[in-house]
Amino acid sequence: MIPADQSSARRPTHVLARMEPLAGHEDQVEMLLREYAVHVRSSPGTLEFRVFRERREEGSLVVLETYRDDEAFAQHLADESGRAFNAELASHVSGGESAVTLLDVVDA
């Protein structure tokens, strides 16, 4: 458990990214995520990058990501591979992007 006095920059950064592939694009989105996951998982500061299919929202995909800290997450966001992934993803998902939510642990 992380002490309460530790700054958020020193705690792991947790991210949930949800995307809804356009009809007929499900396989393409899964392929893009599998390829991108290999890169992200090998990046310094990445602790977890897991892709899930939602049970209730058939076709929707969720990515749970954990980075060492805010700095590692910032490096992830600045990575050229991420920009290329998001540019490719845009034409395959509803709204042209994933919905990203930053999370804080409530119960460790």
PDB file of N, CA and C in Angstrom:
ATOM      1  N   MET A   1       0.835  -1.175   0.000  1.00  0.00           N
ATOM      2  CA  MET A   1       0.000   0.000   0.000  1.00  0.00           C
ATOM      3  C   MET A   1       0.884   1.244   0.000  1.00  0.00           C
ATOM      4  N   ILE A   2       0.420   2.274  -0.679  1.00  0.00           N
ATOM      5  CA  ILE A   2       1.181   3.510  -0.812  1.00  0.00           C
ATOM      6  C   ILE A   2       0.825   4.446   0.341  1.00  0.00           C
ATOM      7  N   PRO A   3       1.814   4.973   1.048  1.00  0.00           N
ATOM      8  CA  PRO A   3       1.530   5.892   2.146  1.00  0.00           C
ATOM      9  C   PRO A   3       0.729   7.103   1.666  1.00  0.00           C
ATOM     10  N   ALA A   4      -0.155   7.611   2.535  1.00  0.00           N
ATOM     11  CA  ALA A   4      -1.027   8.719   2.174  1.00  0.00           C
ATOM     12  C   ALA A   4      -0.263   9.985   1.832  1.00  0.00           C
ATOM     13  N   ASP A   5       0.950  10.160   2.379  1.00  0.00           N
ATOM     14  CA  ASP A   5       1.697  11.394   2.134  1.00  0.00           C
ATOM     15  C   ASP A   5       2.489  11.359   0.835  1.00  0.00           C
ATOM     16  N   GLN A   6       2.453  10.241   0.124  1.00  0.00           N
ATOM     17  CA  GLN A   6       3.200  10.149  -1.120  1.00  0.00           C
ATOM     18  C   GLN A   6       2.465  10.900  -2.223  1.00  0.00           C
ATOM     19  N   SER A   7       3.155  11.676  -3.014  1.00  0.00           N
ATOM     20  CA  SER A   7       2.511  12.452  -4.074  1.00  0.00           C
ATOM     21  C   SER A   7       2.010  11.539  -5.179  1.00  0.00           C
ATOM     22  N   SER A   8       1.035  12.030  -5.937  1.00  0.00           N
ATOM     23  CA  SER A   8       0.465  11.234  -7.018  1.00  0.00           C
ATOM     24  C   SER A   8       1.508  10.924  -8.079  1.00  0.00           C
ATOM     25  N   ALA A   9       2.547  11.751  -8.189  1.00  0.00           N
ATOM     26  CA  ALA A   9       3.594  11.495  -9.173  1.00  0.00           C
ATOM     27  C   ALA A   9       4.370  10.225  -8.841  1.00  0.00           C
ATOM     28  N   ARG A  10       4.326   9.769  -7.600  1.00  0.00           N
ATOM     29  CA  ARG A  10       5.075   8.592  -7.176  1.00  0.00           C
ATOM     30  C   ARG A  10       4.206   7.332  -7.076  1.00  0.00           C
ATOM     31  N   ARG A  11       2.903   7.491  -7.229  1.00  0.00           N
ATOM     32  CA  ARG A  11       2.003   6.338  -7.189  1.00  0.00           C
ATOM     33  C   ARG A  11       1.810   5.806  -8.597  1.00  0.00           C
ATOM     34  N   PRO A  12       1.453   4.537  -8.714  1.00  0.00           N
ATOM     35  CA  PRO A  12       1.107   4.030 -10.049  1.00  0.00           C
ATOM     36  C   PRO A  12      -0.064   4.820 -10.631  1.00  0.00           C
ATOM     37  N   THR A  13      -0.038   4.997 -11.927  1.00  0.00           N
ATOM     38  CA  THR A  13      -1.118   5.658 -12.649  1.00  0.00           C
ATOM     39  C   THR A  13      -1.947   4.593 -13.342  1.00  0.00           C
ATOM     40  N   HIS A  14      -3.248   4.541 -13.023  1.00  0.00           N
ATOM     41  CA  HIS A  14      -4.155   3.540 -13.572  1.00  0.00           C
ATOM     42  C   HIS A  14      -5.071   4.209 -14.592  1.00  0.00           C
ATOM     43  N   VAL A  15      -5.263   3.523 -15.719  1.00  0.00           N
ATOM     44  CA  VAL A  15      -6.049   4.081 -16.817  1.00  0.00           C
ATOM     45  C   VAL A  15      -7.015   3.026 -17.327  1.00  0.00           C
ATOM     46  N   LEU A  16      -8.237   3.452 -17.636  1.00  0.00           N
ATOM     47  CA  LEU A  16      -9.205   2.594 -18.293  1.00  0.00           C
ATOM     48  C   LEU A  16      -9.546   3.259 -19.623  1.00  0.00           C
ATOM     49  N   ALA A  17      -9.351   2.534 -20.708  1.00  0.00           N
ATOM     50  CA  ALA A  17      -9.700   3.046 -22.035  1.00  0.00           C
ATOM     51  C   ALA A  17     -10.766   2.130 -22.623  1.00  0.00           C
ATOM     52  N   ARG A  18     -11.900   2.710 -23.004  1.00  0.00           N
ATOM     53  CA  ARG A  18     -13.012   1.936 -23.548  1.00  0.00           C
ATOM     54  C   ARG A  18     -13.257   2.388 -24.978  1.00  0.00           C
ATOM     55  N   MET A  19     -13.487   1.408 -25.864  1.00  0.00           N
ATOM     56  CA  MET A  19     -13.763   1.729 -27.256  1.00  0.00           C
ATOM     57  C   MET A  19     -14.823   0.797 -27.817  1.00  0.00           C
ATOM     58  N   GLU A  20     -15.596   1.333 -28.721  1.00  0.00           N
ATOM     59  CA  GLU A  20     -16.650   0.567 -29.369  1.00  0.00           C
ATOM     60  C   GLU A  20     -16.340   0.496 -30.866  1.00  0.00           C
ATOM     61  N   PRO A  21     -15.865  -0.674 -31.331  1.00  0.00           N
ATOM     62  CA  PRO A  21     -15.567  -0.796 -32.757  1.00  0.00           C
ATOM     63  C   PRO A  21     -16.819  -0.573 -33.607  1.00  0.00           C
ATOM     64  N   LEU A  22     -16.640   0.053 -34.743  1.00  0.00           N
ATOM     65  CA  LEU A  22     -17.735   0.188 -35.693  1.00  0.00           C
ATOM     66  C   LEU A  22     -18.119  -1.199 -36.190  1.00  0.00           C
ATOM     67  N   ALA A  23     -19.360  -1.356 -36.611  1.00  0.00           N
ATOM     68  CA  ALA A  23     -19.837  -2.650 -37.126  1.00  0.00           C
ATOM     69  C   ALA A  23     -18.924  -3.120 -38.258  1.00  0.00           C
ATOM     70  N   GLY A  24     -18.472  -4.352 -38.144  1.00  0.00           N
ATOM     71  CA  GLY A  24     -17.590  -4.924 -39.152  1.00  0.00           C
ATOM     72  C   GLY A  24     -16.117  -4.617 -38.947  1.00  0.00           C
ATOM     73  N   HIS A  25     -15.771  -3.828 -37.932  1.00  0.00           N
ATOM     74  CA  HIS A  25     -14.384  -3.426 -37.669  1.00  0.00           C
ATOM     75  C   HIS A  25     -13.808  -4.105 -36.426  1.00  0.00           C
ATOM     76  N   GLU A  26     -14.567  -4.995 -35.806  1.00  0.00           N
ATOM     77  CA  GLU A  26     -14.145  -5.618 -34.548  1.00  0.00           C
ATOM     78  C   GLU A  26     -12.793  -6.330 -34.669  1.00  0.00           C
ATOM     79  N   ASP A  27     -12.632  -7.122 -35.718  1.00  0.00           N
ATOM     80  CA  ASP A  27     -11.373  -7.863 -35.891  1.00  0.00           C
ATOM     81  C   ASP A  27     -10.197  -6.911 -36.109  1.00  0.00           C
ATOM     82  N   GLN A  28     -10.416  -5.848 -36.860  1.00  0.00           N
ATOM     83  CA  GLN A  28      -9.347  -4.881 -37.125  1.00  0.00           C
ATOM     84  C   GLN A  28      -8.918  -4.192 -35.829  1.00  0.00           C
ATOM     85  N   VAL A  29      -9.882  -3.812 -34.997  1.00  0.00           N
ATOM     86  CA  VAL A  29      -9.554  -3.136 -33.742  1.00  0.00           C
ATOM     87  C   VAL A  29      -8.794  -4.085 -32.816  1.00  0.00           C
ATOM     88  N   GLU A  30      -9.242  -5.330 -32.730  1.00  0.00           N
ATOM     89  CA  GLU A  30      -8.527  -6.303 -31.896  1.00  0.00           C
ATOM     90  C   GLU A  30      -7.105  -6.525 -32.396  1.00  0.00           C
ATOM     91  N   MET A  31      -6.917  -6.591 -33.714  1.00  0.00           N
ATOM     92  CA  MET A  31      -5.569  -6.765 -34.269  1.00  0.00           C
ATOM     93  C   MET A  31      -4.689  -5.562 -33.930  1.00  0.00           C
ATOM     94  N   LEU A  32      -5.235  -4.349 -34.090  1.00  0.00           N
ATOM     95  CA  LEU A  32      -4.468  -3.146 -33.752  1.00  0.00           C
ATOM     96  C   LEU A  32      -4.062  -3.147 -32.280  1.00  0.00           C
ATOM     97  N   LEU A  33      -4.997  -3.530 -31.409  1.00  0.00           N
ATOM     98  CA  LEU A  33      -4.696  -3.573 -29.977  1.00  0.00           C
ATOM     99  C   LEU A  33      -3.640  -4.623 -29.652  1.00  0.00           C
ATOM    100  N   ARG A  34      -3.729  -5.788 -30.275  1.00  0.00           N
ATOM    101  CA  ARG A  34      -2.715  -6.832 -30.017  1.00  0.00           C
ATOM    102  C   ARG A  34      -1.321  -6.354 -30.421  1.00  0.00           C
ATOM    103  N   GLU A  35      -1.236  -5.725 -31.591  1.00  0.00           N
ATOM    104  CA  GLU A  35       0.065  -5.229 -32.062  1.00  0.00           C
ATOM    105  C   GLU A  35       0.587  -4.113 -31.153  1.00  0.00           C
ATOM    106  N   TYR A  36      -0.284  -3.187 -30.795  1.00  0.00           N
ATOM    107  CA  TYR A  36       0.116  -2.063 -29.956  1.00  0.00           C
ATOM    108  C   TYR A  36       0.497  -2.531 -28.550  1.00  0.00           C
ATOM    109  N   ALA A  37      -0.201  -3.527 -28.048  1.00  0.00           N
ATOM    110  CA  ALA A  37       0.081  -4.058 -26.702  1.00  0.00           C
ATOM    111  C   ALA A  37       1.514  -4.554 -26.583  1.00  0.00           C
ATOM    112  N   VAL A  38       2.028  -5.165 -27.620  1.00  0.00           N
ATOM    113  CA  VAL A  38       3.409  -5.663 -27.595  1.00  0.00           C
ATOM    114  C   VAL A  38       4.367  -4.492 -27.346  1.00  0.00           C
ATOM    115  N   HIS A  39       4.144  -3.397 -28.040  1.00  0.00           N
ATOM    116  CA  HIS A  39       5.004  -2.223 -27.864  1.00  0.00           C
ATOM    117  C   HIS A  39       4.853  -1.628 -26.462  1.00  0.00           C
ATOM    118  N   VAL A  40       3.603  -1.408 -26.041  1.00  0.00           N
ATOM    119  CA  VAL A  40       3.372  -0.756 -24.748  1.00  0.00           C
ATOM    120  C   VAL A  40       3.932  -1.593 -23.610  1.00  0.00           C
ATOM    121  N   ARG A  41       3.706  -2.896 -23.649  1.00  0.00           N
ATOM    122  CA  ARG A  41       4.184  -3.765 -22.568  1.00  0.00           C
ATOM    123  C   ARG A  41       5.705  -3.759 -22.453  1.00  0.00           C
ATOM    124  N   SER A  42       6.397  -3.495 -23.552  1.00  0.00           N
ATOM    125  CA  SER A  42       7.859  -3.477 -23.509  1.00  0.00           C
ATOM    126  C   SER A  42       8.427  -2.100 -23.181  1.00  0.00           C
ATOM    127  N   SER A  43       7.560  -1.109 -23.043  1.00  0.00           N
ATOM    128  CA  SER A  43       8.007   0.252 -22.769  1.00  0.00           C
ATOM    129  C   SER A  43       8.366   0.422 -21.290  1.00  0.00           C
ATOM    130  N   PRO A  44       9.446   1.145 -21.006  1.00  0.00           N
ATOM    131  CA  PRO A  44       9.807   1.409 -19.608  1.00  0.00           C
ATOM    132  C   PRO A  44       8.665   2.122 -18.894  1.00  0.00           C
ATOM    133  N   GLY A  45       8.377   1.691 -17.692  1.00  0.00           N
ATOM    134  CA  GLY A  45       7.341   2.340 -16.903  1.00  0.00           C
ATOM    135  C   GLY A  45       5.967   1.712 -17.027  1.00  0.00           C
ATOM    136  N   THR A  46       5.775   0.823 -17.999  1.00  0.00           N
ATOM    137  CA  THR A  46       4.493   0.135 -18.121  1.00  0.00           C
ATOM    138  C   THR A  46       4.477  -1.063 -17.190  1.00  0.00           C
ATOM    139  N   LEU A  47       3.492  -1.104 -16.307  1.00  0.00           N
ATOM    140  CA  LEU A  47       3.349  -2.232 -15.391  1.00  0.00           C
ATOM    141  C   LEU A  47       2.292  -3.223 -15.880  1.00  0.00           C
ATOM    142  N   GLU A  48       1.283  -2.713 -16.588  1.00  0.00           N
ATOM    143  CA  GLU A  48       0.214  -3.579 -17.077  1.00  0.00           C
ATOM    144  C   GLU A  48      -0.474  -2.925 -18.271  1.00  0.00           C
ATOM    145  N   PHE A  49      -0.834  -3.761 -19.238  1.00  0.00           N
ATOM    146  CA  PHE A  49      -1.621  -3.330 -20.391  1.00  0.00           C
ATOM    147  C   PHE A  49      -2.416  -4.543 -20.822  1.00  0.00           C
ATOM    148  N   ARG A  50      -3.689  -4.603 -20.392  1.00  0.00           N
ATOM    149  CA  ARG A  50      -4.527  -5.772 -20.649  1.00  0.00           C
ATOM    150  C   ARG A  50      -5.787  -5.361 -21.390  1.00  0.00           C
ATOM    151  N   VAL A  51      -6.136  -6.150 -22.403  1.00  0.00           N
ATOM    152  CA  VAL A  51      -7.289  -5.870 -23.245  1.00  0.00           C
ATOM    153  C   VAL A  51      -8.402  -6.866 -22.910  1.00  0.00           C
ATOM    154  N   PHE A  52      -9.622  -6.336 -22.757  1.00  0.00           N
ATOM    155  CA  PHE A  52     -10.793  -7.157 -22.420  1.00  0.00           C
ATOM    156  C   PHE A  52     -11.933  -6.856 -23.378  1.00  0.00           C
ATOM    157  N   ARG A  53     -12.803  -7.850 -23.577  1.00  0.00           N
ATOM    158  CA  ARG A  53     -14.087  -7.646 -24.253  1.00  0.00           C
ATOM    159  C   ARG A  53     -15.139  -7.494 -23.167  1.00  0.00           C
ATOM    160  N   GLU A  54     -16.022  -6.532 -23.330  1.00  0.00           N
ATOM    161  CA  GLU A  54     -17.117  -6.366 -22.371  1.00  0.00           C
ATOM    162  C   GLU A  54     -18.157  -7.458 -22.608  1.00  0.00           C
ATOM    163  N   ARG A  55     -18.681  -7.994 -21.535  1.00  0.00           N
ATOM    164  CA  ARG A  55     -19.711  -9.015 -21.649  1.00  0.00           C
ATOM    165  C   ARG A  55     -21.071  -8.414 -21.996  1.00  0.00           C
ATOM    166  N   ARG A  56     -21.413  -7.305 -21.345  1.00  0.00           N
ATOM    167  CA  ARG A  56     -22.738  -6.715 -21.549  1.00  0.00           C
ATOM    168  C   ARG A  56     -22.834  -5.874 -22.811  1.00  0.00           C
ATOM    169  N   GLU A  57     -21.773  -5.249 -23.207  1.00  0.00           N
ATOM    170  CA  GLU A  57     -21.752  -4.416 -24.410  1.00  0.00           C
ATOM    171  C   GLU A  57     -20.996  -5.173 -25.489  1.00  0.00           C
ATOM    172  N   GLU A  58     -21.689  -6.083 -26.148  1.00  0.00           N
ATOM    173  CA  GLU A  58     -21.037  -6.958 -27.123  1.00  0.00           C
ATOM    174  C   GLU A  58     -20.254  -6.139 -28.149  1.00  0.00           C
ATOM    175  N   GLY A  59     -19.005  -6.493 -28.322  1.00  0.00           N
ATOM    176  CA  GLY A  59     -18.134  -5.810 -29.269  1.00  0.00           C
ATOM    177  C   GLY A  59     -17.270  -4.735 -28.643  1.00  0.00           C
ATOM    178  N   SER A  60     -17.705  -4.168 -27.515  1.00  0.00           N
ATOM    179  CA  SER A  60     -16.913  -3.124 -26.873  1.00  0.00           C
ATOM    180  C   SER A  60     -15.657  -3.713 -26.244  1.00  0.00           C
ATOM    181  N   LEU A  61     -14.595  -2.951 -26.293  1.00  0.00           N
ATOM    182  CA  LEU A  61     -13.315  -3.386 -25.739  1.00  0.00           C
ATOM    183  C   LEU A  61     -12.869  -2.403 -24.662  1.00  0.00           C
ATOM    184  N   VAL A  62     -12.227  -2.947 -23.651  1.00  0.00           N
ATOM    185  CA  VAL A  62     -11.704  -2.154 -22.542  1.00  0.00           C
ATOM    186  C   VAL A  62     -10.235  -2.503 -22.359  1.00  0.00           C
ATOM    187  N   VAL A  63      -9.413  -1.488 -22.173  1.00  0.00           N
ATOM    188  CA  VAL A  63      -7.996  -1.694 -21.896  1.00  0.00           C
ATOM    189  C   VAL A  63      -7.727  -1.161 -20.490  1.00  0.00           C
ATOM    190  N   LEU A  64      -7.161  -2.005 -19.644  1.00  0.00           N
ATOM    191  CA  LEU A  64      -6.721  -1.583 -18.316  1.00  0.00           C
ATOM    192  C   LEU A  64      -5.214  -1.410 -18.389  1.00  0.00           C
ATOM    193  N   GLU A  65      -4.767  -0.217 -18.040  1.00  0.00           N
ATOM    194  CA  GLU A  65      -3.347   0.125 -18.142  1.00  0.00           C
ATOM    195  C   GLU A  65      -2.856   0.612 -16.782  1.00  0.00           C
ATOM    196  N   THR A  66      -1.650   0.218 -16.433  1.00  0.00           N
ATOM    197  CA  THR A  66      -1.018   0.728 -15.222  1.00  0.00           C
ATOM    198  C   THR A  66       0.419   1.102 -15.560  1.00  0.00           C
ATOM    199  N   TYR A  67       0.771   2.315 -15.156  1.00  0.00           N
ATOM    200  CA  TYR A  67       2.121   2.834 -15.377  1.00  0.00           C
ATOM    201  C   TYR A  67       2.776   3.107 -14.033  1.00  0.00           C
ATOM    202  N   ARG A  68       4.077   3.079 -14.010  1.00  0.00           N
ATOM    203  CA  ARG A  68       4.842   3.250 -12.773  1.00  0.00           C
ATOM    204  C   ARG A  68       4.414   4.487 -11.997  1.00  0.00           C
ATOM    205  N   ASP A  69       4.193   5.588 -12.718  1.00  0.00           N
ATOM    206  CA  ASP A  69       3.818   6.863 -12.088  1.00  0.00           C
ATOM    207  C   ASP A  69       3.324   7.809 -13.182  1.00  0.00           C
ATOM    208  N   ASP A  70       3.007   9.042 -12.807  1.00  0.00           N
ATOM    209  CA  ASP A  70       2.511  10.023 -13.772  1.00  0.00           C
ATOM    210  C   ASP A  70       3.533  10.305 -14.871  1.00  0.00           C
ATOM    211  N   GLU A  71       4.807  10.312 -14.515  1.00  0.00           N
ATOM    212  CA  GLU A  71       5.846  10.566 -15.510  1.00  0.00           C
ATOM    213  C   GLU A  71       5.878   9.471 -16.571  1.00  0.00           C
ATOM    214  N   ALA A  72       5.778   8.218 -16.137  1.00  0.00           N
ATOM    215  CA  ALA A  72       5.760   7.099 -17.096  1.00  0.00           C
ATOM    216  C   ALA A  72       4.531   7.185 -17.995  1.00  0.00           C
ATOM    217  N   PHE A  73       3.392   7.579 -17.427  1.00  0.00           N
ATOM    218  CA  PHE A  73       2.180   7.737 -18.234  1.00  0.00           C
ATOM    219  C   PHE A  73       2.359   8.880 -19.236  1.00  0.00           C
ATOM    220  N   ALA A  74       2.973   9.971 -18.820  1.00  0.00           N
ATOM    221  CA  ALA A  74       3.232  11.094 -19.727  1.00  0.00           C
ATOM    222  C   ALA A  74       4.138  10.656 -20.874  1.00  0.00           C
ATOM    223  N   GLN A  75       5.130   9.839 -20.573  1.00  0.00           N
ATOM    224  CA  GLN A  75       6.003   9.318 -21.630  1.00  0.00           C
ATOM    225  C   GLN A  75       5.225   8.434 -22.594  1.00  0.00           C
ATOM    226  N   HIS A  76       4.310   7.636 -22.048  1.00  0.00           N
ATOM    227  CA  HIS A  76       3.453   6.801 -22.889  1.00  0.00           C
ATOM    228  C   HIS A  76       2.632   7.678 -23.839  1.00  0.00           C
ATOM    229  N   LEU A  77       2.053   8.756 -23.312  1.00  0.00           N
ATOM    230  CA  LEU A  77       1.235   9.644 -24.141  1.00  0.00           C
ATOM    231  C   LEU A  77       2.055  10.345 -25.217  1.00  0.00           C
ATOM    232  N   ALA A  78       3.306  10.630 -24.928  1.00  0.00           N
ATOM    233  CA  ALA A  78       4.170  11.343 -25.869  1.00  0.00           C
ATOM    234  C   ALA A  78       4.788  10.433 -26.929  1.00  0.00           C
ATOM    235  N   ASP A  79       4.662   9.142 -26.757  1.00  0.00           N
ATOM    236  CA  ASP A  79       5.296   8.171 -27.656  1.00  0.00           C
ATOM    237  C   ASP A  79       4.688   8.229 -29.059  1.00  0.00           C
ATOM    238  N   GLU A  80       5.525   8.290 -30.063  1.00  0.00           N
ATOM    239  CA  GLU A  80       5.070   8.358 -31.456  1.00  0.00           C
ATOM    240  C   GLU A  80       4.222   7.141 -31.839  1.00  0.00           C
ATOM    241  N   SER A  81       4.540   5.978 -31.304  1.00  0.00           N
ATOM    242  CA  SER A  81       3.757   4.775 -31.609  1.00  0.00           C
ATOM    243  C   SER A  81       2.313   4.925 -31.147  1.00  0.00           C
ATOM    244  N   GLY A  82       2.110   5.590 -30.018  1.00  0.00           N
ATOM    245  CA  GLY A  82       0.765   5.834 -29.516  1.00  0.00           C
ATOM    246  C   GLY A  82      -0.020   6.759 -30.426  1.00  0.00           C
ATOM    247  N   ARG A  83       0.639   7.790 -30.919  1.00  0.00           N
ATOM    248  CA  ARG A  83      -0.031   8.711 -31.846  1.00  0.00           C
ATOM    249  C   ARG A  83      -0.419   7.981 -33.133  1.00  0.00           C
ATOM    250  N   ALA A  84       0.480   7.128 -33.627  1.00  0.00           N
ATOM    251  CA  ALA A  84       0.181   6.362 -34.847  1.00  0.00           C
ATOM    252  C   ALA A  84      -0.959   5.369 -34.597  1.00  0.00           C
ATOM    253  N   PHE A  85      -0.938   4.710 -33.439  1.00  0.00           N
ATOM    254  CA  PHE A  85      -2.009   3.776 -33.082  1.00  0.00           C
ATOM    255  C   PHE A  85      -3.354   4.504 -33.047  1.00  0.00           C
ATOM    256  N   ASN A  86      -3.413   5.633 -32.358  1.00  0.00           N
ATOM    257  CA  ASN A  86      -4.665   6.376 -32.232  1.00  0.00           C
ATOM    258  C   ASN A  86      -5.154   6.907 -33.576  1.00  0.00           C
ATOM    259  N   ALA A  87      -4.246   7.302 -34.436  1.00  0.00           N
ATOM    260  CA  ALA A  87      -4.635   7.775 -35.771  1.00  0.00           C
ATOM    261  C   ALA A  87      -5.264   6.633 -36.570  1.00  0.00           C
ATOM    262  N   GLU A  88      -4.691   5.455 -36.473  1.00  0.00           N
ATOM    263  CA  GLU A  88      -5.238   4.280 -37.176  1.00  0.00           C
ATOM    264  C   GLU A  88      -6.556   3.845 -36.549  1.00  0.00           C
ATOM    265  N   LEU A  89      -6.637   3.871 -35.244  1.00  0.00           N
ATOM    266  CA  LEU A  89      -7.832   3.451 -34.517  1.00  0.00           C
ATOM    267  C   LEU A  89      -9.035   4.333 -34.856  1.00  0.00           C
ATOM    268  N   ALA A  90      -8.803   5.603 -35.110  1.00  0.00           N
ATOM    269  CA  ALA A  90      -9.874   6.589 -35.294  1.00  0.00           C
ATOM    270  C   ALA A  90     -10.914   6.176 -36.333  1.00  0.00           C
ATOM    271  N   SER A  91     -10.496   5.539 -37.396  1.00  0.00           N
ATOM    272  CA  SER A  91     -11.439   5.175 -38.459  1.00  0.00           C
ATOM    273  C   SER A  91     -12.153   3.851 -38.193  1.00  0.00           C
ATOM    274  N   HIS A  92     -11.877   3.251 -37.042  1.00  0.00           N
ATOM    275  CA  HIS A  92     -12.459   1.932 -36.740  1.00  0.00           C
ATOM    276  C   HIS A  92     -13.350   1.908 -35.508  1.00  0.00           C
ATOM    277  N   VAL A  93     -13.426   3.015 -34.760  1.00  0.00           N
ATOM    278  CA  VAL A  93     -14.213   3.027 -33.524  1.00  0.00           C
ATOM    279  C   VAL A  93     -15.214   4.171 -33.515  1.00  0.00           C
ATOM    280  N   SER A  94     -16.288   3.950 -32.794  1.00  0.00           N
ATOM    281  CA  SER A  94     -17.323   4.965 -32.629  1.00  0.00           C
ATOM    282  C   SER A  94     -16.735   6.213 -31.978  1.00  0.00           C
ATOM    283  N   GLY A  95     -17.046   7.361 -32.532  1.00  0.00           N
ATOM    284  CA  GLY A  95     -16.535   8.620 -31.993  1.00  0.00           C
ATOM    285  C   GLY A  95     -15.110   8.927 -32.382  1.00  0.00           C
ATOM    286  N   GLY A  96     -14.454   8.018 -33.094  1.00  0.00           N
ATOM    287  CA  GLY A  96     -13.102   8.260 -33.579  1.00  0.00           C
ATOM    288  C   GLY A  96     -11.996   8.141 -32.551  1.00  0.00           C
ATOM    289  N   GLU A  97     -12.339   7.719 -31.317  1.00  0.00           N
ATOM    290  CA  GLU A  97     -11.310   7.569 -30.289  1.00  0.00           C
ATOM    291  C   GLU A  97     -11.839   6.730 -29.136  1.00  0.00           C
ATOM    292  N   SER A  98     -10.928   6.305 -28.296  1.00  0.00           N
ATOM    293  CA  SER A  98     -11.341   5.599 -27.079  1.00  0.00           C
ATOM    294  C   SER A  98     -11.684   6.621 -25.999  1.00  0.00           C
ATOM    295  N   ALA A  99     -12.535   6.217 -25.092  1.00  0.00           N
ATOM    296  CA  ALA A  99     -12.871   7.058 -23.945  1.00  0.00           C
ATOM    297  C   ALA A  99     -11.907   6.680 -22.823  1.00  0.00           C
ATOM    298  N   VAL A 100     -11.099   7.632 -22.387  1.00  0.00           N
ATOM    299  CA  VAL A 100     -10.045   7.367 -21.405  1.00  0.00           C
ATOM    300  C   VAL A 100     -10.442   7.945 -20.051  1.00  0.00           C
ATOM    301  N   THR A 101     -10.287   7.109 -19.011  1.00  0.00           N
ATOM    302  CA  THR A 101     -10.584   7.519 -17.646  1.00  0.00           C
ATOM    303  C   THR A 101      -9.384   7.208 -16.769  1.00  0.00           C
ATOM    304  N   LEU A 102      -8.906   8.191 -16.027  1.00  0.00           N
ATOM    305  CA  LEU A 102      -7.846   7.966 -15.039  1.00  0.00           C
ATOM    306  C   LEU A 102      -8.505   7.489 -13.762  1.00  0.00           C
ATOM    307  N   LEU A 103      -7.903   6.491 -13.115  1.00  0.00           N
ATOM    308  CA  LEU A 103      -8.489   5.870 -11.931  1.00  0.00           C
ATOM    309  C   LEU A 103      -7.580   6.030 -10.729  1.00  0.00           C
ATOM    310  N   ASP A 104      -8.193   6.143  -9.563  1.00  0.00           N
ATOM    311  CA  ASP A 104      -7.473   6.103  -8.288  1.00  0.00           C
ATOM    312  C   ASP A 104      -7.932   4.870  -7.529  1.00  0.00           C
ATOM    313  N   VAL A 105      -7.007   4.179  -6.903  1.00  0.00           N
ATOM    314  CA  VAL A 105      -7.335   3.004  -6.109  1.00  0.00           C
ATOM    315  C   VAL A 105      -8.077   3.444  -4.850  1.00  0.00           C
ATOM    316  N   VAL A 106      -9.196   2.793  -4.581  1.00  0.00           N
ATOM    317  CA  VAL A 106      -9.962   3.077  -3.377  1.00  0.00           C
ATOM    318  C   VAL A 106      -9.635   2.055  -2.303  1.00  0.00           C
ATOM    319  N   ASP A 107      -9.580   0.800  -2.700  1.00  0.00           N
ATOM    320  CA  ASP A 107      -9.318  -0.288  -1.747  1.00  0.00           C
ATOM    321  C   ASP A 107      -8.201  -1.152  -2.319  1.00  0.00           C
ATOM    322  N   ALA A 108      -7.050  -1.123  -1.714  1.00  0.00           N
ATOM    323  CA  ALA A 108      -5.909  -1.859  -2.244  1.00  0.00           C
ATOM    324  C   ALA A 108      -5.853  -3.272  -1.714  1.00  0.00           C
TER     325      ALA A 108
END
